C-alpha atoms as a PDB file:
ATOM      1  CA  MET A   1    -206.000  62.772  81.332  1.00  0.00           C
ATOM      2  CA  LYS A   2    -204.105  61.843  78.190  1.00  0.00           C
ATOM      3  CA  SER A   3    -202.566  64.655  76.239  1.00  0.00           C
ATOM      4  CA  PRO A   4    -203.985  65.541  72.795  1.00  0.00           C
ATOM      5  CA  ALA A   5    -200.745  64.312  71.208  1.00  0.00           C
ATOM      6  CA  VAL A   6    -201.154  60.862  72.748  1.00  0.00           C
ATOM      7  CA  ILE A   7    -204.798  60.769  71.699  1.00  0.00           C
ATOM      8  CA  LEU A   8    -203.932  61.749  68.134  1.00  0.00           C
ATOM      9  CA  PHE A   9    -201.308  59.007  67.946  1.00  0.00           C
ATOM     10  CA  ALA A  10    -203.766  56.415  69.214  1.00  0.00           C
ATOM     11  CA  SER A  11    -206.425  57.669  66.820  1.00  0.00           C
ATOM     12  CA  GLY A  12    -203.990  57.320  63.930  1.00  0.00           C
ATOM     13  CA  LEU A  13    -203.394  53.688  64.783  1.00  0.00           C
ATOM     14  CA  LEU A  14    -207.120  53.076  65.107  1.00  0.00           C
ATOM     15  CA  SER A  15    -207.935  54.740  61.800  1.00  0.00           C
ATOM     16  CA  GLN A  16    -205.722  52.273  59.963  1.00  0.00           C
ATOM     17  CA  ALA A  17    -207.740  49.420  61.428  1.00  0.00           C
ATOM     18  CA  ASN A  18    -211.401  50.385  61.313  1.00  0.00           C
ATOM     19  CA  ALA A  19    -212.084  54.051  60.665  1.00  0.00           C
ATOM     20  CA  HIS A  20    -213.139  54.261  57.014  1.00  0.00           C
ATOM     21  CA  TYR A  21    -216.700  54.051  55.746  1.00  0.00           C
ATOM     22  CA  THR A  22    -219.022  54.883  52.895  1.00  0.00           C
ATOM     23  CA  PHE A  23    -222.771  55.283  52.481  1.00  0.00           C
ATOM     24  CA  GLY A  24    -223.937  52.669  50.007  1.00  0.00           C
ATOM     25  CA  ARG A  25    -227.456  52.117  51.333  1.00  0.00           C
ATOM     26  CA  LEU A  26    -230.440  54.453  50.978  1.00  0.00           C
ATOM     27  CA  ILE A  27    -233.164  54.414  53.633  1.00  0.00           C
ATOM     28  CA  PHE A  28    -236.729  55.139  52.524  1.00  0.00           C
ATOM     29  CA  ASN A  29    -240.157  53.671  53.294  1.00  0.00           C
ATOM     30  CA  ASN A  30    -238.571  52.604  56.617  1.00  0.00           C
ATOM     31  CA  THR A  31    -236.367  50.136  54.743  1.00  0.00           C
ATOM     32  CA  TRP A  32    -232.628  49.910  54.177  1.00  0.00           C
ATOM     33  CA  SER A  33    -231.904  49.246  50.516  1.00  0.00           C
ATOM     34  CA  LYS A  34    -229.296  46.823  49.308  1.00  0.00           C
ATOM     35  CA  THR A  35    -225.803  48.253  48.916  1.00  0.00           C
ATOM     36  CA  TRP A  36    -225.545  50.340  45.722  1.00  0.00           C
ATOM     37  CA  GLU A  37    -229.166  49.539  44.820  1.00  0.00           C
ATOM     38  CA  TYR A  38    -230.117  53.244  44.664  1.00  0.00           C
ATOM     39  CA  VAL A  39    -226.689  54.759  45.334  1.00  0.00           C
ATOM     40  CA  ARG A  40    -223.952  55.376  42.765  1.00  0.00           C
ATOM     41  CA  GLU A  41    -221.136  52.945  43.276  1.00  0.00           C
ATOM     42  CA  ILE A  42    -217.706  54.395  43.978  1.00  0.00           C
ATOM     43  CA  SER A  43    -214.305  53.187  42.785  1.00  0.00           C
ATOM     44  CA  PRO A  44    -211.456  52.085  45.064  1.00  0.00           C
ATOM     45  CA  SER A  45    -208.460  54.299  45.612  1.00  0.00           C
ATOM     46  CA  THR A  46    -205.617  53.449  43.246  1.00  0.00           C
ATOM     47  CA  THR A  47    -202.992  54.311  45.865  1.00  0.00           C
ATOM     48  CA  ILE A  48    -204.034  51.701  48.468  1.00  0.00           C
ATOM     49  CA  THR A  49    -203.379  47.983  48.031  1.00  0.00           C
ATOM     50  CA  GLN A  50    -205.791  46.508  50.625  1.00  0.00           C
ATOM     51  CA  PRO A  51    -209.105  46.070  48.726  1.00  0.00           C
ATOM     52  CA  ASP A  52    -211.517  46.935  51.542  1.00  0.00           C
ATOM     53  CA  ILE A  53    -209.546  49.965  52.703  1.00  0.00           C
ATOM     54  CA  ALA A  54    -209.064  51.127  49.106  1.00  0.00           C
ATOM     55  CA  LEU A  55    -212.811  51.196  48.496  1.00  0.00           C
ATOM     56  CA  LEU A  56    -213.700  52.981  51.735  1.00  0.00           C
ATOM     57  CA  ALA A  57    -210.769  55.423  51.765  1.00  0.00           C
ATOM     58  CA  PRO A  58    -211.823  59.083  52.034  1.00  0.00           C
ATOM     59  CA  ASN A  59    -211.418  61.904  49.568  1.00  0.00           C
ATOM     60  CA  THR A  60    -209.012  64.622  50.674  1.00  0.00           C
ATOM     61  CA  GLU A  61    -209.013  67.023  47.710  1.00  0.00           C
ATOM     62  CA  PRO A  62    -211.871  69.558  47.949  1.00  0.00           C
ATOM     63  CA  THR A  63    -211.430  70.767  44.351  1.00  0.00           C
ATOM     64  CA  SER A  64    -211.820  67.325  42.772  1.00  0.00           C
ATOM     65  CA  THR A  65    -215.056  66.309  41.028  1.00  0.00           C
ATOM     66  CA  ASP A  66    -214.882  63.214  43.265  1.00  0.00           C
ATOM     67  CA  ILE A  67    -216.138  65.473  46.054  1.00  0.00           C
ATOM     68  CA  ARG A  68    -219.605  65.349  44.457  1.00  0.00           C
ATOM     69  CA  CYS A  69    -220.573  61.703  44.767  1.00  0.00           C
ATOM     70  CA  GLY A  70    -217.387  59.858  45.659  1.00  0.00           C
ATOM     71  CA  ARG A  71    -214.472  58.493  43.672  1.00  0.00           C
ATOM     72  CA  ASN A  72    -215.305  58.148  39.988  1.00  0.00           C
ATOM     73  CA  ALA A  73    -219.026  58.537  40.698  1.00  0.00           C
ATOM     74  CA  SER A  74    -219.848  61.800  38.923  1.00  0.00           C
ATOM     75  CA  ALA A  75    -220.370  59.553  35.912  1.00  0.00           C
ATOM     76  CA  SER A  76    -223.045  57.014  36.789  1.00  0.00           C
ATOM     77  CA  TRP A  77    -221.342  53.899  35.458  1.00  0.00           C
ATOM     78  CA  SER A  78    -223.094  51.635  37.996  1.00  0.00           C
ATOM     79  CA  LYS A  79    -226.583  52.828  36.907  1.00  0.00           C
ATOM     80  CA  PRO A  80    -228.510  52.397  40.185  1.00  0.00           C
ATOM     81  CA  LYS A  81    -232.285  52.331  40.480  1.00  0.00           C
ATOM     82  CA  THR A  82    -234.244  55.528  41.124  1.00  0.00           C
ATOM     83  CA  ALA A  83    -236.217  55.720  44.389  1.00  0.00           C
ATOM     84  CA  THR A  84    -239.546  57.543  44.321  1.00  0.00           C
ATOM     85  CA  ILE A  85    -239.876  59.717  47.427  1.00  0.00           C
ATOM     86  CA  ARG A  86    -242.544  62.207  48.432  1.00  0.00           C
ATOM     87  CA  ALA A  87    -241.609  65.711  49.524  1.00  0.00           C
ATOM     88  CA  GLY A  88    -241.904  65.752  53.304  1.00  0.00           C
ATOM     89  CA  ASP A  89    -240.874  62.110  53.722  1.00  0.00           C
ATOM     90  CA  THR A  90    -238.092  60.921  55.993  1.00  0.00           C
ATOM     91  CA  VAL A  91    -235.119  59.315  54.245  1.00  0.00           C
ATOM     92  CA  GLY A  92    -231.568  58.467  55.235  1.00  0.00           C
ATOM     93  CA  PHE A  93    -228.254  56.889  54.384  1.00  0.00           C
ATOM     94  CA  ALA A  94    -226.613  53.911  56.070  1.00  0.00           C
ATOM     95  CA  ALA A  95    -222.977  52.963  56.276  1.00  0.00           C
ATOM     96  CA  GLY A  96    -224.096  49.344  56.004  1.00  0.00           C
ATOM     97  CA  GLU A  97    -222.048  47.309  53.573  1.00  0.00           C
ATOM     98  CA  PRO A  98    -219.322  47.228  52.459  1.00  0.00           C
ATOM     99  CA  ARG A  99    -217.361  47.323  55.672  1.00  0.00           C
ATOM    100  CA  LEU A 100    -213.793  46.792  56.707  1.00  0.00           C
ATOM    101  CA  ALA A 101    -212.577  43.286  57.385  1.00  0.00           C
ATOM    102  CA  GLY A 102    -213.048  42.448  61.063  1.00  0.00           C
ATOM    103  CA  ALA A 103    -215.639  45.140  61.745  1.00  0.00           C
ATOM    104  CA  ASP A 104    -218.877  43.865  63.318  1.00  0.00           C
ATOM    105  CA  VAL A 105    -220.945  46.596  61.652  1.00  0.00           C
ATOM    106  CA  ALA A 106    -220.130  49.662  59.584  1.00  0.00           C
ATOM    107  CA  ARG A 107    -220.301  52.962  61.422  1.00  0.00           C
ATOM    108  CA  ILE A 108    -219.349  56.621  61.041  1.00  0.00           C
ATOM    109  CA  TYR A 109    -216.200  56.010  63.052  1.00  0.00           C
ATOM    110  CA  HIS A 110    -214.777  59.523  62.834  1.00  0.00           C
ATOM    111  CA  PRO A 111    -215.892  62.678  64.639  1.00  0.00           C
ATOM    112  CA  GLY A 112    -217.153  65.461  62.423  1.00  0.00           C
ATOM    113  CA  PHE A 113    -220.224  66.988  60.845  1.00  0.00           C
ATOM    114  CA  ALA A 114    -222.701  65.674  58.290  1.00  0.00           C
ATOM    115  CA  SER A 115    -225.022  67.195  55.714  1.00  0.00           C
ATOM    116  CA  ALA A 116    -227.480  66.223  52.979  1.00  0.00           C
ATOM    117  CA  TRP A 117    -227.922  67.916  49.607  1.00  0.00           C
ATOM    118  CA  LEU A 118    -230.097  67.868  46.489  1.00  0.00           C
ATOM    119  CA  SER A 119    -229.282  68.696  42.882  1.00  0.00           C
ATOM    120  CA  HIS A 120    -232.086  68.814  40.325  1.00  0.00           C
ATOM    121  CA  SER A 121    -231.211  66.940  37.148  1.00  0.00           C
ATOM    122  CA  PRO A 122    -231.766  68.801  33.864  1.00  0.00           C
ATOM    123  CA  THR A 123    -232.655  65.453  32.264  1.00  0.00           C
ATOM    124  CA  ASP A 124    -234.948  62.576  33.219  1.00  0.00           C
ATOM    125  CA  ASP A 125    -231.999  60.231  32.734  1.00  0.00           C
ATOM    126  CA  LEU A 126    -230.181  60.499  36.046  1.00  0.00           C
ATOM    127  CA  ASN A 127    -227.417  58.260  34.730  1.00  0.00           C
ATOM    128  CA  ALA A 128    -226.516  61.048  32.315  1.00  0.00           C
ATOM    129  CA  TYR A 129    -226.332  63.764  34.983  1.00  0.00           C
ATOM    130  CA  THR A 130    -222.836  64.383  36.336  1.00  0.00           C
ATOM    131  CA  GLY A 131    -223.882  66.678  39.178  1.00  0.00           C
ATOM    132  CA  ASP A 132    -222.311  69.730  37.556  1.00  0.00           C
ATOM    133  CA  GLY A 133    -225.456  71.793  38.128  1.00  0.00           C
ATOM    134  CA  ASP A 134    -226.659  73.589  41.240  1.00  0.00           C
ATOM    135  CA  TRP A 135    -226.828  72.032  44.708  1.00  0.00           C
ATOM    136  CA  PHE A 136    -228.678  73.098  47.849  1.00  0.00           C
ATOM    137  CA  LYS A 137    -228.316  71.820  51.397  1.00  0.00           C
ATOM    138  CA  ILE A 138    -231.333  70.287  53.161  1.00  0.00           C
ATOM    139  CA  MET A 139    -229.784  68.979  56.399  1.00  0.00           C
ATOM    140  CA  SER A 140    -226.838  69.737  58.655  1.00  0.00           C
ATOM    141  CA  VAL A 141    -225.814  68.091  61.922  1.00  0.00           C
ATOM    142  CA  THR A 142    -222.903  68.992  64.191  1.00  0.00           C
ATOM    143  CA  GLY A 143    -223.621  68.282  67.874  1.00  0.00           C
ATOM    144  CA  ARG A 144    -225.611  65.523  69.514  1.00  0.00           C
ATOM    145  CA  THR A 145    -229.300  64.976  68.702  1.00  0.00           C
ATOM    146  CA  GLU A 146    -231.927  62.332  69.453  1.00  0.00           C
ATOM    147  CA  GLN A 147    -230.378  60.200  66.695  1.00  0.00           C
ATOM    148  CA  SER A 148    -226.944  60.178  68.333  1.00  0.00           C
ATOM    149  CA  LEU A 149    -225.652  56.997  69.910  1.00  0.00           C
ATOM    150  CA  ASP A 150    -226.552  56.511  73.576  1.00  0.00           C
ATOM    151  CA  PHE A 151    -223.161  55.817  75.117  1.00  0.00           C
ATOM    152  CA  SER A 152    -224.713  54.978  78.485  1.00  0.00           C
ATOM    153  CA  LEU A 153    -226.039  51.700  77.114  1.00  0.00           C
ATOM    154  CA  PRO A 154    -223.794  48.726  77.942  1.00  0.00           C
ATOM    155  CA  GLU A 155    -223.416  47.734  74.285  1.00  0.00           C
ATOM    156  CA  ASN A 156    -222.157  51.225  73.397  1.00  0.00           C
ATOM    157  CA  LYS A 157    -219.809  51.999  76.274  1.00  0.00           C
ATOM    158  CA  ASN A 158    -216.746  50.696  74.433  1.00  0.00           C
ATOM    159  CA  LEU A 159    -217.515  53.152  71.603  1.00  0.00           C
ATOM    160  CA  TYR A 160    -217.361  56.203  73.857  1.00  0.00           C
ATOM    161  CA  ASN A 161    -214.556  58.755  73.611  1.00  0.00           C
ATOM    162  CA  GLU A 162    -214.795  61.925  75.682  1.00  0.00           C
ATOM    163  CA  TYR A 163    -213.133  64.040  72.988  1.00  0.00           C
ATOM    164  CA  LYS A 164    -215.224  62.698  70.099  1.00  0.00           C
ATOM    165  CA  ALA A 165    -218.656  62.063  71.612  1.00  0.00           C
ATOM    166  CA  ILE A 166    -219.604  65.740  71.356  1.00  0.00           C
ATOM    167  CA  TRP A 167    -220.206  65.136  67.630  1.00  0.00           C
ATOM    168  CA  GLY A 168    -223.714  63.915  66.880  1.00  0.00           C
ATOM    169  CA  THR A 169    -222.890  61.330  64.232  1.00  0.00           C
ATOM    170  CA  LEU A 170    -220.051  59.576  66.061  1.00  0.00           C
ATOM    171  CA  ASN A 171    -220.316  55.782  65.683  1.00  0.00           C
ATOM    172  CA  VAL A 172    -223.868  55.784  64.336  1.00  0.00           C
ATOM    173  CA  GLN A 173    -224.703  53.244  61.635  1.00  0.00           C
ATOM    174  CA  SER A 174    -227.119  55.540  59.787  1.00  0.00           C
ATOM    175  CA  TRP A 175    -228.630  59.006  59.750  1.00  0.00           C
ATOM    176  CA  ASN A 176    -232.154  60.124  58.800  1.00  0.00           C
ATOM    177  CA  PHE A 177    -233.499  63.476  57.624  1.00  0.00           C
ATOM    178  CA  THR A 178    -236.532  64.977  55.879  1.00  0.00           C
ATOM    179  CA  ILE A 179    -236.998  65.984  52.262  1.00  0.00           C
ATOM    180  CA  PRO A 180    -238.417  69.537  52.575  1.00  0.00           C
ATOM    181  CA  LYS A 181    -242.185  69.643  51.987  1.00  0.00           C
ATOM    182  CA  THR A 182    -241.985  72.325  49.305  1.00  0.00           C
ATOM    183  CA  THR A 183    -239.232  70.674  47.247  1.00  0.00           C
ATOM    184  CA  PRO A 184    -240.084  71.043  43.529  1.00  0.00           C
ATOM    185  CA  PRO A 185    -240.901  67.693  41.897  1.00  0.00           C
ATOM    186  CA  GLY A 186    -238.379  66.061  39.606  1.00  0.00           C
ATOM    187  CA  LYS A 187    -235.344  63.819  39.315  1.00  0.00           C
ATOM    188  CA  TYR A 188    -232.515  64.588  41.743  1.00  0.00           C
ATOM    189  CA  LEU A 189    -229.166  63.469  43.001  1.00  0.00           C
ATOM    190  CA  LEU A 190    -229.517  63.098  46.777  1.00  0.00           C
ATOM    191  CA  ARG A 191    -226.097  63.479  48.372  1.00  0.00           C
ATOM    192  CA  PHE A 192    -224.995  62.565  51.902  1.00  0.00           C
ATOM    193  CA  GLU A 193    -221.672  63.871  53.197  1.00  0.00           C
ATOM    194  CA  HIS A 194    -219.614  63.438  56.337  1.00  0.00           C
ATOM    195  CA  ILE A 195    -216.458  65.489  56.982  1.00  0.00           C
ATOM    196  CA  PHE A 196    -213.733  64.495  59.435  1.00  0.00           C
ATOM    197  CA  PRO A 197    -211.894  67.784  60.151  1.00  0.00           C
ATOM    198  CA  ASN A 198    -208.121  67.903  60.338  1.00  0.00           C
ATOM    199  CA  PRO A 199    -205.689  70.838  60.208  1.00  0.00           C
ATOM    200  CA  GLN A 200    -204.046  69.719  56.938  1.00  0.00           C
ATOM    201  CA  ASP A 201    -206.042  66.960  55.231  1.00  0.00           C
ATOM    202  CA  SER A 202    -209.685  66.896  56.211  1.00  0.00           C
ATOM    203  CA  GLN A 203    -211.433  63.724  55.047  1.00  0.00           C
ATOM    204  CA  TYR A 204    -214.575  63.861  52.916  1.00  0.00           C
ATOM    205  CA  TYR A 205    -216.942  60.879  52.784  1.00  0.00           C
ATOM    206  CA  MET A 206    -219.936  61.128  50.446  1.00  0.00           C
ATOM    207  CA  THR A 207    -222.243  59.257  48.078  1.00  0.00           C
ATOM    208  CA  CYS A 208    -225.215  60.140  45.852  1.00  0.00           C
ATOM    209  CA  ALA A 209    -228.532  58.358  45.423  1.00  0.00           C
ATOM    210  CA  HIS A 210    -230.907  58.617  42.468  1.00  0.00           C
ATOM    211  CA  VAL A 211    -234.330  59.880  43.569  1.00  0.00           C
ATOM    212  CA  ASN A 212    -237.553  60.999  41.939  1.00  0.00           C
ATOM    213  CA  ILE A 213    -239.252  63.497  44.247  1.00  0.00           C
ATOM    214  CA  VAL A 214    -243.034  63.674  43.998  1.00  0.00           C
ATOM    215  CA  ASN A 215    -244.690  66.727  45.538  1.00  0.00           C
ATOM    216  CA  LEU A 216    -248.345  66.190  46.472  1.00  0.00           C
ATOM    217  CA  ASN A 217    -248.479  69.336  48.614  1.00  0.00           C
ATOM    218  CA  SER A 218    -250.128  72.572  47.576  1.00  0.00           C
ATOM    219  CA  ALA A 219    -246.974  74.691  47.818  1.00  0.00           C
ATOM    220  CA  VAL A 220    -243.734  74.422  45.877  1.00  0.00           C
ATOM    221  CA  GLY A 221    -240.747  76.447  47.041  1.00  0.00           C
ATOM    222  CA  THR A 222    -237.616  77.939  45.507  1.00  0.00           C
ATOM    223  CA  PRO A 223    -234.557  76.136  46.905  1.00  0.00           C
ATOM    224  CA  GLY A 224    -231.435  78.070  47.831  1.00  0.00           C
ATOM    225  CA  PRO A 225    -228.761  79.194  48.335  1.00  0.00           C
ATOM    226  CA  LEU A 226    -227.460  77.343  45.282  1.00  0.00           C
ATOM    227  CA  VAL A 227    -223.809  76.281  45.034  1.00  0.00           C
ATOM    228  CA  LYS A 228    -221.529  74.231  42.819  1.00  0.00           C
ATOM    229  CA  ILE A 229    -219.677  71.105  43.936  1.00  0.00           C
ATOM    230  CA  PRO A 230    -216.690  71.272  43.810  1.00  0.00           C
ATOM    231  CA  GLY A 231    -216.529  74.912  44.775  1.00  0.00           C
ATOM    232  CA  VAL A 232    -218.255  74.825  48.131  1.00  0.00           C
ATOM    233  CA  TYR A 233    -215.041  74.057  50.066  1.00  0.00           C
ATOM    234  CA  LYS A 234    -211.451  75.198  49.737  1.00  0.00           C
ATOM    235  CA  ARG A 235    -208.352  73.872  51.417  1.00  0.00           C
ATOM    236  CA  GLY A 236    -207.539  75.698  54.638  1.00  0.00           C
ATOM    237  CA  GLN A 237    -210.937  77.242  55.349  1.00  0.00           C
ATOM    238  CA  PRO A 238    -211.219  77.408  59.141  1.00  0.00           C
ATOM    239  CA  ASP A 239    -214.614  75.694  59.526  1.00  0.00           C
ATOM    240  CA  VAL A 240    -213.370  72.568  57.697  1.00  0.00           C
ATOM    241  CA  TYR A 241    -209.632  72.472  58.465  1.00  0.00           C
ATOM    242  CA  PHE A 242    -209.139  72.598  62.220  1.00  0.00           C
ATOM    243  CA  ASP A 243    -208.009  70.517  65.183  1.00  0.00           C
ATOM    244  CA  HIS A 244    -211.094  68.962  66.746  1.00  0.00           C
ATOM    245  CA  TYR A 245    -208.882  67.786  69.644  1.00  0.00           C
ATOM    246  CA  ASP A 246    -208.165  71.391  70.639  1.00  0.00           C
ATOM    247  CA  LEU A 247    -209.252  71.597  74.276  1.00  0.00           C
ATOM    248  CA  LYS A 248    -210.583  75.109  73.593  1.00  0.00           C
ATOM    249  CA  PHE A 249    -212.955  73.831  70.896  1.00  0.00           C
ATOM    250  CA  ASN A 250    -216.613  74.429  71.796  1.00  0.00           C
ATOM    251  CA  ILE A 251    -219.122  72.428  69.738  1.00  0.00           C
ATOM    252  CA  SER A 252    -221.987  74.703  70.811  1.00  0.00           C
ATOM    253  CA  GLN A 253    -220.266  77.641  69.110  1.00  0.00           C
ATOM    254  CA  PHE A 254    -219.310  75.750  65.952  1.00  0.00           C
ATOM    255  CA  VAL A 255    -221.130  76.795  62.780  1.00  0.00           C
ATOM    256  CA  ALA A 256    -221.059  74.342  59.884  1.00  0.00           C
ATOM    257  CA  PRO A 257    -219.696  75.614  56.550  1.00  0.00           C
ATOM    258  CA  SER A 258    -221.931  77.517  54.133  1.00  0.00           C
ATOM    259  CA  PRO A 259    -224.419  77.306  52.555  1.00  0.00           C
ATOM    260  CA  VAL A 260    -227.210  77.406  55.111  1.00  0.00           C
ATOM    261  CA  VAL A 261    -229.888  74.722  55.087  1.00  0.00           C
ATOM    262  CA  TRP A 262    -232.937  75.248  52.900  1.00  0.00           C
ATOM    263  CA  VAL A 263    -235.910  74.172  55.025  1.00  0.00           C
ATOM    264  CA  GLY A 264    -238.573  74.484  52.327  1.00  0.00           C
END
């Protein structure tokens, strides 16, 4: 067995080659949208010279407003379309395009946990909403589920890593979830987030889609707990900043960061 130090070194080399991603495609009505069609476009990092890596590079500062919807995406300068979605429908986000040069498809290459969030816009013009209002979580995934990649299939065997495969989203191209049935109708930012935990600089990957939620059900709920983003994470908190290569780490005992999921 390789030591964790050797694995970390190898992972570092790999991450420079193909381990960045973003979520530019919304999935609804069983269809993947075009890149940035319904999702706010993000800006490339100004500290990286390679264009594809600069665009897909993660956020590492949990107190930045970029943690809401991605780099420079709190202001909706790209003005995406708004998708009409019914409460109770299944939706999702796909890594899709853009992807790194040389990658066959875009995937969630890193281990870690994912979540989905909603923030009700105070105005019908979603382009004018910066996401500075309240957010509530509607999905959280840590360990493996039925959506996780089947590493026993021949086409997936080269993607298997015994230390990383415990995480449910590892190497998937997309992830689906349900809009709670009692979600109040209105215009929302729908946010998808994936966090790659590290002891010092955890990596945050996220984007926001514009959605109009229509509720045709008889009941409408009261979402909560409500939080602000930034404000939901702080540097050094133990459920975000930790060594996922620690041989004592037990995914079955891991609890994702607050807030809890609102199920509607």
